[in-house]
Each structure stands twice: as C-alpha cells, then as structure tokens.
C-alpha cells in the first residue's frame, strides 16, 4: 500500500537517499569503472546534490547514472512515485493516469512508463524447470497485426507465448506467429529438458514435447481443462494434475490490463508490456513480496539499463 505522505514522494533529497539505499546498499559503486573503493561524495557548495567522484577513474556520477533515469529532467520524487504506482497496479496504470497524478506532460509520462518497463525486464537466461518440476506452456492473442488480413483463426492477431513453472515464475515472449518453428525455438532455449511439459492440444507442441521427460496435454476443444495423471518416474509412481490453468489465470490479468487499461499497444512495444506483467506476477503478494518491495526490485532493475527516446519509438 502506497503512503502518499511519505517524504520520498515529495522531497528531492529524501527521494535521492531512497534510490541510493536501494541501488547501493553497501555503499556507492562507480558506474563507469565498477570501483567500490575510493569513492568520495562531493558535498561542497559548488557541487550539485548527490554528486560522487570516483578516485580510480576520476569520473563524476550520481545515483541515476547508468540507469533508465540517466539524463532525465523529471524530479526524483516523481520517478520514485511512478515506480511505486506501476509496481503496485495489478493490471497496470495508463500513461494518461501518470500524466495526471505526476503533473507531467502525457509525452513525458508515456516515455517514463516505458523506461520503468525496461527496468522491469528480466534478463535471466537460466532455463526454467528441471528434474521433478512441471512447466506449463501456452499462448494468447491480442490486438491486430497491421496489414495481415486473415478471416479465420488467430493469424491476424499478435501472439504472446508464455511459460510458467508450476508454483514459480512466468516468462513471456512476443512471437511473430504461433507455429512449430517459433514454439520449438523457445521451448528448447528456455526450458530444462528434465522438466515435465503441460500444454493444450495444439499440434506444434507434439514433436518438441518428446524432447522432455514427459509431455501431457489437455483438450480444450473438448472442454477438458484439467485431468489427473499417474506417471512412473525415477522408479516410483507420481500423481499430478495436467492443466494449463496457471497460465490461464495469468492471461486473464494480462488481457484485462491490455484491453481495459492500456487499450492500444503497437506491435513494437508489446515486448515491454509483456515484461511489465511478468514482473508483477513474479513478484506477486503470494510469493511474499509487498508493494514496497516490488517497487524496490523495479528500481534495482534499473541499474545497468538505458533507454533513449528513439529506442521505444523504433522498437
């Protein structure tokens, strides 16, 4: 729950101290050379607040250098509030709402939101799942691809494929089309082969599913959404429920946010919206993360990432 009277949302110095505590809990680190020693805080009247000097590389820096906030003219309290608002809004918060609440222009709010989504992006490359773990795979479709005229099916819509480790984290991808080539490429690079794979009845999962410890599916077209399954693995019988309901629940929130809050998203930006919803799911209250901790993780994720104005425009 956000306490809007907290000084970090109103006082520049308090907001800076808050950002420094999150980014550098053990003391300032030079974003230019990575040095953690010989760092001096410049506190003279001629220096702007929050300025540090690295005595190793002789460069100056503040807490925003090397983050999505670098070279921004938006006051730090507004940055901190924006991080908290986007981290605590389950279905997202529109740029128009940020524009009104932060008292900035719509253009500024739109760009600020994209920078925060970039901070929320997870760069983890480690495969999901593993021995004895279940990974659900599914896809959903949203919006319309400009110039793609298909009367039937989902060929005219934008495809998002998601993977979720049962009881764990979700990882989503915007793919050009939901077909065997794209689905296979993602499963091979993102899921440990020792995992058990649960999917729906889509044909493009059948061949690649054989590469995993086991592949079970449910037939949604026949109104089958969950079924018990007894498997013999590692010398013993295991009972599990086959379903993709975890992802169905995730998609229900994702679509409510994309359709009800954001309403329109061009294709080149979809990957950042997907990252935003993944981030909130992976740091949900059920995992013991509250709103404040979630915002802190988003701020921490801003370290080492930059997003210039042209980048979100061209993709």
C-alpha atoms as a PDB file:
ATOM      1  CA  UNK A   1       0.000   0.000   0.000  1.00  0.00           C
ATOM      2  CA  UNK A   2       1.402   3.392  -1.017  1.00  0.00           C
ATOM      3  CA  UNK A   3       1.661   6.077   1.666  1.00  0.00           C
ATOM      4  CA  UNK A   4       1.484   9.223  -0.455  1.00  0.00           C
ATOM      5  CA  UNK A   5       2.595  11.358   2.502  1.00  0.00           C
ATOM      6  CA  UNK A   6       6.000   9.637   2.585  1.00  0.00           C
ATOM      7  CA  UNK A   7       8.760  12.257   2.049  1.00  0.00           C
ATOM      8  CA  UNK A   8      10.334  10.140  -0.726  1.00  0.00           C
ATOM      9  CA  UNK A   9       7.422  11.213  -2.937  1.00  0.00           C
ATOM     10  CA  UNK A  10       7.827  14.946  -2.212  1.00  0.00           C
ATOM     11  CA  UNK A  11      11.376  15.757  -1.114  1.00  0.00           C
ATOM     12  CA  UNK A  12      14.242  15.612  -3.636  1.00  0.00           C
ATOM     13  CA  UNK A  13      16.882  14.730  -1.034  1.00  0.00           C
ATOM     14  CA  UNK A  14      14.759  12.013   0.576  1.00  0.00           C
ATOM     15  CA  UNK A  15      13.995  10.528  -2.844  1.00  0.00           C
ATOM     16  CA  UNK A  16      17.718  10.525  -3.703  1.00  0.00           C
ATOM     17  CA  UNK A  17      18.602   8.849  -0.408  1.00  0.00           C
ATOM     18  CA  UNK A  18      15.903   6.240  -1.084  1.00  0.00           C
ATOM     19  CA  UNK A  19      17.329   5.464  -4.535  1.00  0.00           C
ATOM     20  CA  UNK A  20      20.899   5.318  -3.197  1.00  0.00           C
ATOM     21  CA  UNK A  21      19.887   2.889  -0.436  1.00  0.00           C
ATOM     22  CA  UNK A  22      18.269   0.562  -2.970  1.00  0.00           C
ATOM     23  CA  UNK A  23      20.954   0.754  -5.651  1.00  0.00           C
ATOM     24  CA  UNK A  24      23.970   0.836  -3.324  1.00  0.00           C
ATOM     25  CA  UNK A  25      23.066  -0.897  -0.028  1.00  0.00           C
ATOM     26  CA  UNK A  26      26.778  -1.408   0.740  1.00  0.00           C
ATOM     27  CA  UNK A  27      27.997   1.977  -0.469  1.00  0.00           C
ATOM     28  CA  UNK A  28      28.332   3.735  -3.815  1.00  0.00           C
ATOM     29  CA  UNK A  29      29.744   1.865  -6.812  1.00  0.00           C
ATOM     30  CA  UNK A  30      31.209   3.713  -9.772  1.00  0.00           C
ATOM     31  CA  UNK A  31      29.015   3.056 -12.855  1.00  0.00           C
ATOM     32  CA  UNK A  32      31.954   3.952 -15.124  1.00  0.00           C
ATOM     33  CA  UNK A  33      34.685   1.553 -13.924  1.00  0.00           C
ATOM     34  CA  UNK A  34      32.892  -0.555 -11.305  1.00  0.00           C
ATOM     35  CA  UNK A  35      35.142   0.530  -8.445  1.00  0.00           C
ATOM     36  CA  UNK A  36      33.686   0.180  -4.939  1.00  0.00           C
ATOM     37  CA  UNK A  37      36.580   1.889  -3.178  1.00  0.00           C
ATOM     38  CA  UNK A  38      37.997   5.403  -3.285  1.00  0.00           C
ATOM     39  CA  UNK A  39      34.544   6.922  -3.828  1.00  0.00           C
ATOM     40  CA  UNK A  40      34.074  10.447  -2.497  1.00  0.00           C
ATOM     41  CA  UNK A  41      30.773  12.248  -2.018  1.00  0.00           C
ATOM     42  CA  UNK A  42      31.238  15.861  -3.177  1.00  0.00           C
ATOM     43  CA  UNK A  43      29.401  17.995  -0.680  1.00  0.00           C
ATOM     44  CA  UNK A  44      30.762  21.453  -1.456  1.00  0.00           C
ATOM     45  CA  UNK A  45      28.533  24.406  -2.278  1.00  0.00           C
ATOM     46  CA  UNK A  46      29.731  24.339  -5.892  1.00  0.00           C
ATOM     47  CA  UNK A  47      28.589  20.752  -6.439  1.00  0.00           C
ATOM     48  CA  UNK A  48      25.041  19.648  -7.153  1.00  0.00           C
ATOM     49  CA  UNK A  49      23.423  17.409  -4.515  1.00  0.00           C
ATOM     50  CA  UNK A  50      24.139  13.698  -4.713  1.00  0.00           C
ATOM     51  CA  UNK A  51      27.333  14.010  -6.750  1.00  0.00           C
ATOM     52  CA  UNK A  52      30.115  11.448  -6.283  1.00  0.00           C
ATOM     53  CA  UNK A  53      33.653  11.253  -7.612  1.00  0.00           C
ATOM     54  CA  UNK A  54      35.468   8.014  -8.330  1.00  0.00           C
ATOM     55  CA  UNK A  55      39.116   8.480  -7.434  1.00  0.00           C
ATOM     56  CA  UNK A  56      40.051   5.461  -9.538  1.00  0.00           C
ATOM     57  CA  UNK A  57      38.808   6.654 -12.929  1.00  0.00           C
ATOM     58  CA  UNK A  58      38.286  10.330 -11.884  1.00  0.00           C
ATOM     59  CA  UNK A  59      34.713  10.334 -13.245  1.00  0.00           C
ATOM     60  CA  UNK A  60      31.751  12.039 -11.594  1.00  0.00           C
ATOM     61  CA  UNK A  61      28.355  10.364 -11.173  1.00  0.00           C
ATOM     62  CA  UNK A  62      25.048  10.396  -9.315  1.00  0.00           C
ATOM     63  CA  UNK A  63      22.639   7.601  -8.423  1.00  0.00           C
ATOM     64  CA  UNK A  64      20.823   7.962 -11.759  1.00  0.00           C
ATOM     65  CA  UNK A  65      23.919   7.467 -13.965  1.00  0.00           C
ATOM     66  CA  UNK A  66      23.861   4.089 -15.693  1.00  0.00           C
ATOM     67  CA  UNK A  67      20.120   3.605 -15.111  1.00  0.00           C
ATOM     68  CA  UNK A  68      16.919   4.295 -17.034  1.00  0.00           C
ATOM     69  CA  UNK A  69      16.737   7.594 -15.117  1.00  0.00           C
ATOM     70  CA  UNK A  70      20.004   8.956 -16.515  1.00  0.00           C
ATOM     71  CA  UNK A  71      19.808  12.429 -18.098  1.00  0.00           C
ATOM     72  CA  UNK A  72      16.147  12.742 -17.158  1.00  0.00           C
ATOM     73  CA  UNK A  73      14.828  16.157 -16.124  1.00  0.00           C
ATOM     74  CA  UNK A  74      11.933  14.597 -14.196  1.00  0.00           C
ATOM     75  CA  UNK A  75      12.317  15.302 -10.438  1.00  0.00           C
ATOM     76  CA  UNK A  76      13.406  12.239  -8.455  1.00  0.00           C
ATOM     77  CA  UNK A  77      10.281  12.162  -6.212  1.00  0.00           C
ATOM     78  CA  UNK A  78       8.152  11.773  -9.348  1.00  0.00           C
ATOM     79  CA  UNK A  79      10.372   8.939 -10.545  1.00  0.00           C
ATOM     80  CA  UNK A  80      10.015   7.172  -7.198  1.00  0.00           C
ATOM     81  CA  UNK A  81       6.224   7.612  -7.181  1.00  0.00           C
ATOM     82  CA  UNK A  82       5.953   6.358 -10.763  1.00  0.00           C
ATOM     83  CA  UNK A  83       7.924   3.214  -9.860  1.00  0.00           C
ATOM     84  CA  UNK A  84       5.578   2.575  -6.918  1.00  0.00           C
ATOM     85  CA  UNK A  85       2.427   3.196  -8.964  1.00  0.00           C
ATOM     86  CA  UNK A  86       3.450   0.859 -11.783  1.00  0.00           C
ATOM     87  CA  UNK A  87       4.691  -1.824  -9.405  1.00  0.00           C
ATOM     88  CA  UNK A  88       1.545  -1.834  -7.268  1.00  0.00           C
ATOM     89  CA  UNK A  89      -1.116  -1.599 -10.016  1.00  0.00           C
ATOM     90  CA  UNK A  90      -2.012  -5.236 -10.750  1.00  0.00           C
ATOM     91  CA  UNK A  91      -3.416  -4.504 -14.203  1.00  0.00           C
ATOM     92  CA  UNK A  92      -1.121  -1.569 -14.978  1.00  0.00           C
ATOM     93  CA  UNK A  93      -1.594   2.180 -14.947  1.00  0.00           C
ATOM     94  CA  UNK A  94      -2.053   4.206 -18.110  1.00  0.00           C
ATOM     95  CA  UNK A  95       0.250   6.999 -19.250  1.00  0.00           C
ATOM     96  CA  UNK A  96      -2.742   9.359 -19.049  1.00  0.00           C
ATOM     97  CA  UNK A  97      -3.210   8.474 -15.365  1.00  0.00           C
ATOM     98  CA  UNK A  98       0.505   9.008 -14.702  1.00  0.00           C
ATOM     99  CA  UNK A  99       0.300  12.305 -16.577  1.00  0.00           C
ATOM    100  CA  UNK A 100      -2.480  13.479 -14.236  1.00  0.00           C
ATOM    101  CA  UNK A 101      -1.038  12.132 -10.982  1.00  0.00           C
ATOM    102  CA  UNK A 102       2.556  13.229 -11.553  1.00  0.00           C
ATOM    103  CA  UNK A 103       1.663  16.570 -13.136  1.00  0.00           C
ATOM    104  CA  UNK A 104       3.854  15.960 -16.188  1.00  0.00           C
ATOM    105  CA  UNK A 105       3.002  16.058 -19.884  1.00  0.00           C
ATOM    106  CA  UNK A 106       1.471  12.980 -21.487  1.00  0.00           C
ATOM    107  CA  UNK A 107       4.576  12.576 -23.672  1.00  0.00           C
ATOM    108  CA  UNK A 108       6.789  12.594 -20.578  1.00  0.00           C
ATOM    109  CA  UNK A 109       4.519  10.109 -18.758  1.00  0.00           C
ATOM    110  CA  UNK A 110       4.493   7.767 -21.764  1.00  0.00           C
ATOM    111  CA  UNK A 111       8.268   7.733 -22.037  1.00  0.00           C
ATOM    112  CA  UNK A 112       8.733   7.433 -18.270  1.00  0.00           C
ATOM    113  CA  UNK A 113       6.443   4.372 -18.235  1.00  0.00           C
ATOM    114  CA  UNK A 114       8.463   2.703 -20.991  1.00  0.00           C
ATOM    115  CA  UNK A 115      11.681   3.315 -19.079  1.00  0.00           C
ATOM    116  CA  UNK A 116      10.192   1.672 -15.984  1.00  0.00           C
ATOM    117  CA  UNK A 117       9.057  -1.297 -18.073  1.00  0.00           C
ATOM    118  CA  UNK A 118      12.638  -1.608 -19.282  1.00  0.00           C
ATOM    119  CA  UNK A 119      13.768  -1.687 -15.636  1.00  0.00           C
ATOM    120  CA  UNK A 120      11.244  -4.470 -15.001  1.00  0.00           C
ATOM    121  CA  UNK A 121      12.637  -6.604 -17.824  1.00  0.00           C
ATOM    122  CA  UNK A 122      14.164  -9.870 -16.605  1.00  0.00           C
ATOM    123  CA  UNK A 123      17.464 -10.780 -18.275  1.00  0.00           C
ATOM    124  CA  UNK A 124      17.655 -14.232 -16.688  1.00  0.00           C
ATOM    125  CA  UNK A 125      18.960 -16.752 -19.211  1.00  0.00           C
ATOM    126  CA  UNK A 126      18.837 -19.831 -16.988  1.00  0.00           C
ATOM    127  CA  UNK A 127      16.327 -22.451 -18.265  1.00  0.00           C
ATOM    128  CA  UNK A 128      13.104 -22.905 -16.327  1.00  0.00           C
ATOM    129  CA  UNK A 129      12.030 -26.101 -14.627  1.00  0.00           C
ATOM    130  CA  UNK A 130      14.255 -29.097 -14.012  1.00  0.00           C
ATOM    131  CA  UNK A 131      14.012 -32.601 -12.621  1.00  0.00           C
ATOM    132  CA  UNK A 132      10.629 -33.227 -10.990  1.00  0.00           C
ATOM    133  CA  UNK A 133       9.242 -29.820 -11.989  1.00  0.00           C
ATOM    134  CA  UNK A 134       6.265 -29.029 -14.209  1.00  0.00           C
ATOM    135  CA  UNK A 135       6.371 -26.241 -16.796  1.00  0.00           C
ATOM    136  CA  UNK A 136       3.161 -25.070 -18.460  1.00  0.00           C
ATOM    137  CA  UNK A 137       3.316 -23.614 -21.968  1.00  0.00           C
ATOM    138  CA  UNK A 138       0.525 -21.749 -23.719  1.00  0.00           C
ATOM    139  CA  UNK A 139      -0.105 -18.781 -25.977  1.00  0.00           C
ATOM    140  CA  UNK A 140      -2.620 -15.985 -26.220  1.00  0.00           C
ATOM    141  CA  UNK A 141      -3.514 -13.495 -28.927  1.00  0.00           C
ATOM    142  CA  UNK A 142      -4.153  -9.781 -28.635  1.00  0.00           C
ATOM    143  CA  UNK A 143      -4.630  -6.802 -30.941  1.00  0.00           C
ATOM    144  CA  UNK A 144      -4.356  -6.901 -34.704  1.00  0.00           C
ATOM    145  CA  UNK A 145      -1.288  -7.059 -36.909  1.00  0.00           C
ATOM    146  CA  UNK A 146      -1.458  -4.182 -39.359  1.00  0.00           C
ATOM    147  CA  UNK A 147      -1.827  -5.342 -42.976  1.00  0.00           C
ATOM    148  CA  UNK A 148      -2.397  -9.001 -42.088  1.00  0.00           C
ATOM    149  CA  UNK A 149      -5.842  -9.943 -43.404  1.00  0.00           C
ATOM    150  CA  UNK A 150      -6.891 -13.370 -42.154  1.00  0.00           C
ATOM    151  CA  UNK A 151     -10.571 -14.189 -41.828  1.00  0.00           C
ATOM    152  CA  UNK A 152     -10.310 -17.249 -39.593  1.00  0.00           C
ATOM    153  CA  UNK A 153      -8.260 -18.252 -36.575  1.00  0.00           C
ATOM    154  CA  UNK A 154      -5.666 -16.024 -34.892  1.00  0.00           C
ATOM    155  CA  UNK A 155      -3.423 -15.326 -37.873  1.00  0.00           C
ATOM    156  CA  UNK A 156      -4.324 -11.632 -37.869  1.00  0.00           C
ATOM    157  CA  UNK A 157      -3.530 -11.133 -34.174  1.00  0.00           C
ATOM    158  CA  UNK A 158      -0.303 -10.593 -32.216  1.00  0.00           C
ATOM    159  CA  UNK A 159       0.876 -13.735 -30.477  1.00  0.00           C
ATOM    160  CA  UNK A 160       2.317 -13.956 -26.964  1.00  0.00           C
ATOM    161  CA  UNK A 161       3.753 -17.250 -25.742  1.00  0.00           C
ATOM    162  CA  UNK A 162       4.260 -17.829 -22.034  1.00  0.00           C
ATOM    163  CA  UNK A 163       5.974 -20.424 -19.881  1.00  0.00           C
ATOM    164  CA  UNK A 164       5.326 -20.834 -16.174  1.00  0.00           C
ATOM    165  CA  UNK A 165       6.994 -23.150 -13.707  1.00  0.00           C
ATOM    166  CA  UNK A 166       4.236 -24.631 -11.569  1.00  0.00           C
ATOM    167  CA  UNK A 167       4.372 -22.689  -8.301  1.00  0.00           C
ATOM    168  CA  UNK A 168       7.147 -20.460  -9.670  1.00  0.00           C
ATOM    169  CA  UNK A 169       7.803 -17.739 -12.198  1.00  0.00           C
ATOM    170  CA  UNK A 170       6.395 -16.877 -15.606  1.00  0.00           C
ATOM    171  CA  UNK A 171       8.378 -15.921 -18.710  1.00  0.00           C
ATOM    172  CA  UNK A 172       6.605 -14.471 -21.778  1.00  0.00           C
ATOM    173  CA  UNK A 173       7.630 -13.700 -25.345  1.00  0.00           C
ATOM    174  CA  UNK A 174       6.082 -11.755 -28.193  1.00  0.00           C
ATOM    175  CA  UNK A 175       6.402 -14.036 -31.231  1.00  0.00           C
ATOM    176  CA  UNK A 176       5.646 -13.261 -34.860  1.00  0.00           C
ATOM    177  CA  UNK A 177       3.402 -16.295 -35.241  1.00  0.00           C
ATOM    178  CA  UNK A 178       2.355 -19.220 -33.068  1.00  0.00           C
ATOM    179  CA  UNK A 179       3.792 -22.058 -35.128  1.00  0.00           C
ATOM    180  CA  UNK A 180       6.035 -25.090 -34.645  1.00  0.00           C
ATOM    181  CA  UNK A 181       9.226 -23.209 -35.541  1.00  0.00           C
ATOM    182  CA  UNK A 182       8.778 -20.385 -33.025  1.00  0.00           C
ATOM    183  CA  UNK A 183       7.332 -22.553 -30.249  1.00  0.00           C
ATOM    184  CA  UNK A 184      10.097 -25.138 -30.606  1.00  0.00           C
ATOM    185  CA  UNK A 185      12.845 -22.492 -30.525  1.00  0.00           C
ATOM    186  CA  UNK A 186      11.525 -21.019 -27.263  1.00  0.00           C
ATOM    187  CA  UNK A 187      11.000 -24.349 -25.516  1.00  0.00           C
ATOM    188  CA  UNK A 188      14.464 -25.604 -26.454  1.00  0.00           C
ATOM    189  CA  UNK A 189      16.234 -22.491 -25.153  1.00  0.00           C
ATOM    190  CA  UNK A 190      14.047 -21.633 -22.153  1.00  0.00           C
ATOM    191  CA  UNK A 191      13.015 -24.944 -20.557  1.00  0.00           C
ATOM    192  CA  UNK A 192      15.223 -27.608 -18.985  1.00  0.00           C
ATOM    193  CA  UNK A 193      14.809 -30.946 -20.824  1.00  0.00           C
ATOM    194  CA  UNK A 194      14.364 -32.727 -17.485  1.00  0.00           C
ATOM    195  CA  UNK A 195      11.084 -30.878 -16.947  1.00  0.00           C
ATOM    196  CA  UNK A 196       7.568 -32.244 -17.394  1.00  0.00           C
ATOM    197  CA  UNK A 197       5.726 -30.197 -20.028  1.00  0.00           C
ATOM    198  CA  UNK A 198       2.000 -29.441 -19.799  1.00  0.00           C
ATOM    199  CA  UNK A 199       0.268 -27.822 -22.789  1.00  0.00           C
ATOM    200  CA  UNK A 200      -3.040 -27.695 -24.607  1.00  0.00           C
ATOM    201  CA  UNK A 201      -3.797 -29.835 -27.664  1.00  0.00           C
ATOM    202  CA  UNK A 202      -2.018 -27.566 -30.208  1.00  0.00           C
ATOM    203  CA  UNK A 203      -0.175 -29.697 -32.785  1.00  0.00           C
ATOM    204  CA  UNK A 204       3.033 -27.655 -32.661  1.00  0.00           C
ATOM    205  CA  UNK A 205       3.803 -28.966 -29.137  1.00  0.00           C
ATOM    206  CA  UNK A 206       3.704 -32.660 -30.074  1.00  0.00           C
ATOM    207  CA  UNK A 207       7.108 -33.088 -31.708  1.00  0.00           C
ATOM    208  CA  UNK A 208       9.151 -30.885 -29.385  1.00  0.00           C
ATOM    209  CA  UNK A 209       7.295 -32.337 -26.382  1.00  0.00           C
ATOM    210  CA  UNK A 210       9.090 -35.644 -26.953  1.00  0.00           C
ATOM    211  CA  UNK A 211      12.389 -33.967 -26.018  1.00  0.00           C
ATOM    212  CA  UNK A 212      11.289 -33.533 -22.389  1.00  0.00           C
ATOM    213  CA  UNK A 213      10.943 -36.031 -19.539  1.00  0.00           C
ATOM    214  CA  UNK A 214       7.216 -36.163 -20.228  1.00  0.00           C
ATOM    215  CA  UNK A 215       4.648 -34.196 -22.202  1.00  0.00           C
ATOM    216  CA  UNK A 216       0.993 -34.183 -21.218  1.00  0.00           C
ATOM    217  CA  UNK A 217      -1.801 -32.104 -22.699  1.00  0.00           C
ATOM    218  CA  UNK A 218      -5.428 -31.182 -22.119  1.00  0.00           C
ATOM    219  CA  UNK A 219      -8.006 -30.918 -24.886  1.00  0.00           C
ATOM    220  CA  UNK A 220      -9.653 -27.522 -24.533  1.00  0.00           C
ATOM    221  CA  UNK A 221     -11.725 -28.005 -27.690  1.00  0.00           C
ATOM    222  CA  UNK A 222     -13.425 -30.922 -25.937  1.00  0.00           C
ATOM    223  CA  UNK A 223     -13.920 -28.772 -22.813  1.00  0.00           C
ATOM    224  CA  UNK A 224     -11.223 -30.624 -20.913  1.00  0.00           C
ATOM    225  CA  UNK A 225      -9.336 -28.203 -18.680  1.00  0.00           C
ATOM    226  CA  UNK A 226      -7.768 -30.488 -16.081  1.00  0.00           C
ATOM    227  CA  UNK A 227      -7.298 -34.211 -15.612  1.00  0.00           C
ATOM    228  CA  UNK A 228      -5.427 -36.479 -13.195  1.00  0.00           C
ATOM    229  CA  UNK A 229      -2.386 -38.326 -14.483  1.00  0.00           C
ATOM    230  CA  UNK A 230      -0.302 -41.076 -12.913  1.00  0.00           C
ATOM    231  CA  UNK A 231       3.302 -41.241 -14.160  1.00  0.00           C
ATOM    232  CA  UNK A 232       6.159 -43.609 -13.360  1.00  0.00           C
ATOM    233  CA  UNK A 233       9.337 -41.548 -12.944  1.00  0.00           C
ATOM    234  CA  UNK A 234      12.582 -42.159 -11.064  1.00  0.00           C
ATOM    235  CA  UNK A 235      11.444 -45.606 -10.002  1.00  0.00           C
ATOM    236  CA  UNK A 236       8.165 -44.543  -8.399  1.00  0.00           C
ATOM    237  CA  UNK A 237       4.611 -43.569  -9.305  1.00  0.00           C
ATOM    238  CA  UNK A 238       3.710 -39.882  -9.233  1.00  0.00           C
ATOM    239  CA  UNK A 239       0.206 -38.399  -9.368  1.00  0.00           C
ATOM    240  CA  UNK A 240      -0.204 -34.970 -10.920  1.00  0.00           C
ATOM    241  CA  UNK A 241      -2.953 -32.808 -12.397  1.00  0.00           C
ATOM    242  CA  UNK A 242      -2.497 -31.953 -16.045  1.00  0.00           C
ATOM    243  CA  UNK A 243      -3.633 -28.415 -16.870  1.00  0.00           C
ATOM    244  CA  UNK A 244      -2.556 -25.003 -18.119  1.00  0.00           C
ATOM    245  CA  UNK A 245      -4.782 -23.154 -15.642  1.00  0.00           C
ATOM    246  CA  UNK A 246      -1.845 -21.295 -14.091  1.00  0.00           C
ATOM    247  CA  UNK A 247      -1.228 -19.551 -17.411  1.00  0.00           C
ATOM    248  CA  UNK A 248      -4.959 -19.050 -17.988  1.00  0.00           C
ATOM    249  CA  UNK A 249      -5.056 -17.105 -14.725  1.00  0.00           C
ATOM    250  CA  UNK A 250      -2.021 -15.076 -15.745  1.00  0.00           C
ATOM    251  CA  UNK A 251      -3.556 -14.304 -19.144  1.00  0.00           C
ATOM    252  CA  UNK A 252      -6.804 -13.144 -17.533  1.00  0.00           C
ATOM    253  CA  UNK A 253      -4.906 -10.388 -15.710  1.00  0.00           C
ATOM    254  CA  UNK A 254      -2.741  -9.629 -18.748  1.00  0.00           C
ATOM    255  CA  UNK A 255      -5.724  -9.186 -21.061  1.00  0.00           C
ATOM    256  CA  UNK A 256      -7.722  -7.132 -18.573  1.00  0.00           C
ATOM    257  CA  UNK A 257      -4.752  -4.803 -18.306  1.00  0.00           C
ATOM    258  CA  UNK A 258      -4.001  -4.597 -22.025  1.00  0.00           C
ATOM    259  CA  UNK A 259      -7.638  -4.151 -23.073  1.00  0.00           C
ATOM    260  CA  UNK A 260      -9.103  -2.322 -20.078  1.00  0.00           C
ATOM    261  CA  UNK A 261      -6.187  -0.090 -19.042  1.00  0.00           C
ATOM    262  CA  UNK A 262      -3.813   0.329 -21.968  1.00  0.00           C
ATOM    263  CA  UNK A 263      -6.456  -0.249 -24.670  1.00  0.00           C
ATOM    264  CA  UNK A 264      -3.983   0.046 -27.524  1.00  0.00           C
ATOM    265  CA  UNK A 265      -0.408  -1.170 -27.928  1.00  0.00           C
ATOM    266  CA  UNK A 266       1.603  -1.052 -31.129  1.00  0.00           C
ATOM    267  CA  UNK A 267       3.487  -4.217 -32.016  1.00  0.00           C
ATOM    268  CA  UNK A 268       6.985  -2.789 -31.457  1.00  0.00           C
ATOM    269  CA  UNK A 269       6.155  -2.021 -27.809  1.00  0.00           C
ATOM    270  CA  UNK A 270       4.359  -5.255 -26.893  1.00  0.00           C
ATOM    271  CA  UNK A 271       7.548  -6.873 -25.549  1.00  0.00           C
ATOM    272  CA  UNK A 272       7.829  -4.182 -22.856  1.00  0.00           C
ATOM    273  CA  UNK A 273       4.211  -4.501 -21.749  1.00  0.00           C
ATOM    274  CA  UNK A 274       4.727  -8.276 -21.517  1.00  0.00           C
ATOM    275  CA  UNK A 275       7.822  -7.681 -19.353  1.00  0.00           C
ATOM    276  CA  UNK A 276       5.758  -5.448 -17.058  1.00  0.00           C
ATOM    277  CA  UNK A 277       3.086  -8.092 -16.426  1.00  0.00           C
ATOM    278  CA  UNK A 278       5.705 -10.822 -15.994  1.00  0.00           C
ATOM    279  CA  UNK A 279       7.496  -8.701 -13.405  1.00  0.00           C
ATOM    280  CA  UNK A 280       4.404  -8.118 -11.277  1.00  0.00           C
ATOM    281  CA  UNK A 281       3.418 -11.801 -11.455  1.00  0.00           C
ATOM    282  CA  UNK A 282       6.903 -12.968 -10.491  1.00  0.00           C
ATOM    283  CA  UNK A 283       6.895 -10.601  -7.505  1.00  0.00           C
ATOM    284  CA  UNK A 284       3.256 -11.091  -6.506  1.00  0.00           C
ATOM    285  CA  UNK A 285       1.929 -10.984  -2.955  1.00  0.00           C
ATOM    286  CA  UNK A 286       1.557 -14.795  -2.941  1.00  0.00           C
ATOM    287  CA  UNK A 287       5.361 -15.066  -3.056  1.00  0.00           C
ATOM    288  CA  UNK A 288       5.668 -12.796  -0.008  1.00  0.00           C
ATOM    289  CA  UNK A 289       6.524  -9.587  -1.893  1.00  0.00           C
ATOM    290  CA  UNK A 290       4.555  -6.490  -0.903  1.00  0.00           C
ATOM    291  CA  UNK A 291       4.077  -3.303  -2.941  1.00  0.00           C
ATOM    292  CA  UNK A 292       7.072  -1.520  -1.431  1.00  0.00           C
ATOM    293  CA  UNK A 293       9.432  -4.446  -2.014  1.00  0.00           C
ATOM    294  CA  UNK A 294       8.133  -4.829  -5.570  1.00  0.00           C
ATOM    295  CA  UNK A 295       8.830  -1.169  -6.308  1.00  0.00           C
ATOM    296  CA  UNK A 296      12.288  -1.549  -4.787  1.00  0.00           C
ATOM    297  CA  UNK A 297      13.014  -4.509  -7.072  1.00  0.00           C
ATOM    298  CA  UNK A 298      11.931  -2.465 -10.092  1.00  0.00           C
ATOM    299  CA  UNK A 299      14.246   0.382  -9.045  1.00  0.00           C
ATOM    300  CA  UNK A 300      17.061  -2.122  -8.526  1.00  0.00           C
ATOM    301  CA  UNK A 301      16.372  -3.468 -12.011  1.00  0.00           C
ATOM    302  CA  UNK A 302      17.003  -0.021 -13.496  1.00  0.00           C
ATOM    303  CA  UNK A 303      20.727  -0.456 -12.813  1.00  0.00           C
ATOM    304  CA  UNK A 304      22.753  -1.022 -15.977  1.00  0.00           C
ATOM    305  CA  UNK A 305      19.902  -0.253 -18.353  1.00  0.00           C
ATOM    306  CA  UNK A 306      19.445   2.739 -20.613  1.00  0.00           C
ATOM    307  CA  UNK A 307      16.573   3.651 -22.885  1.00  0.00           C
ATOM    308  CA  UNK A 308      16.863   6.705 -25.115  1.00  0.00           C
ATOM    309  CA  UNK A 309      13.857   8.438 -26.626  1.00  0.00           C
ATOM    310  CA  UNK A 310      14.370   6.916 -30.065  1.00  0.00           C
ATOM    311  CA  UNK A 311      14.615   3.353 -28.799  1.00  0.00           C
ATOM    312  CA  UNK A 312      10.972   2.988 -27.701  1.00  0.00           C
ATOM    313  CA  UNK A 313       9.835   4.734 -30.875  1.00  0.00           C
ATOM    314  CA  UNK A 314      11.538   2.339 -33.276  1.00  0.00           C
ATOM    315  CA  UNK A 315      11.203  -0.754 -31.141  1.00  0.00           C
END
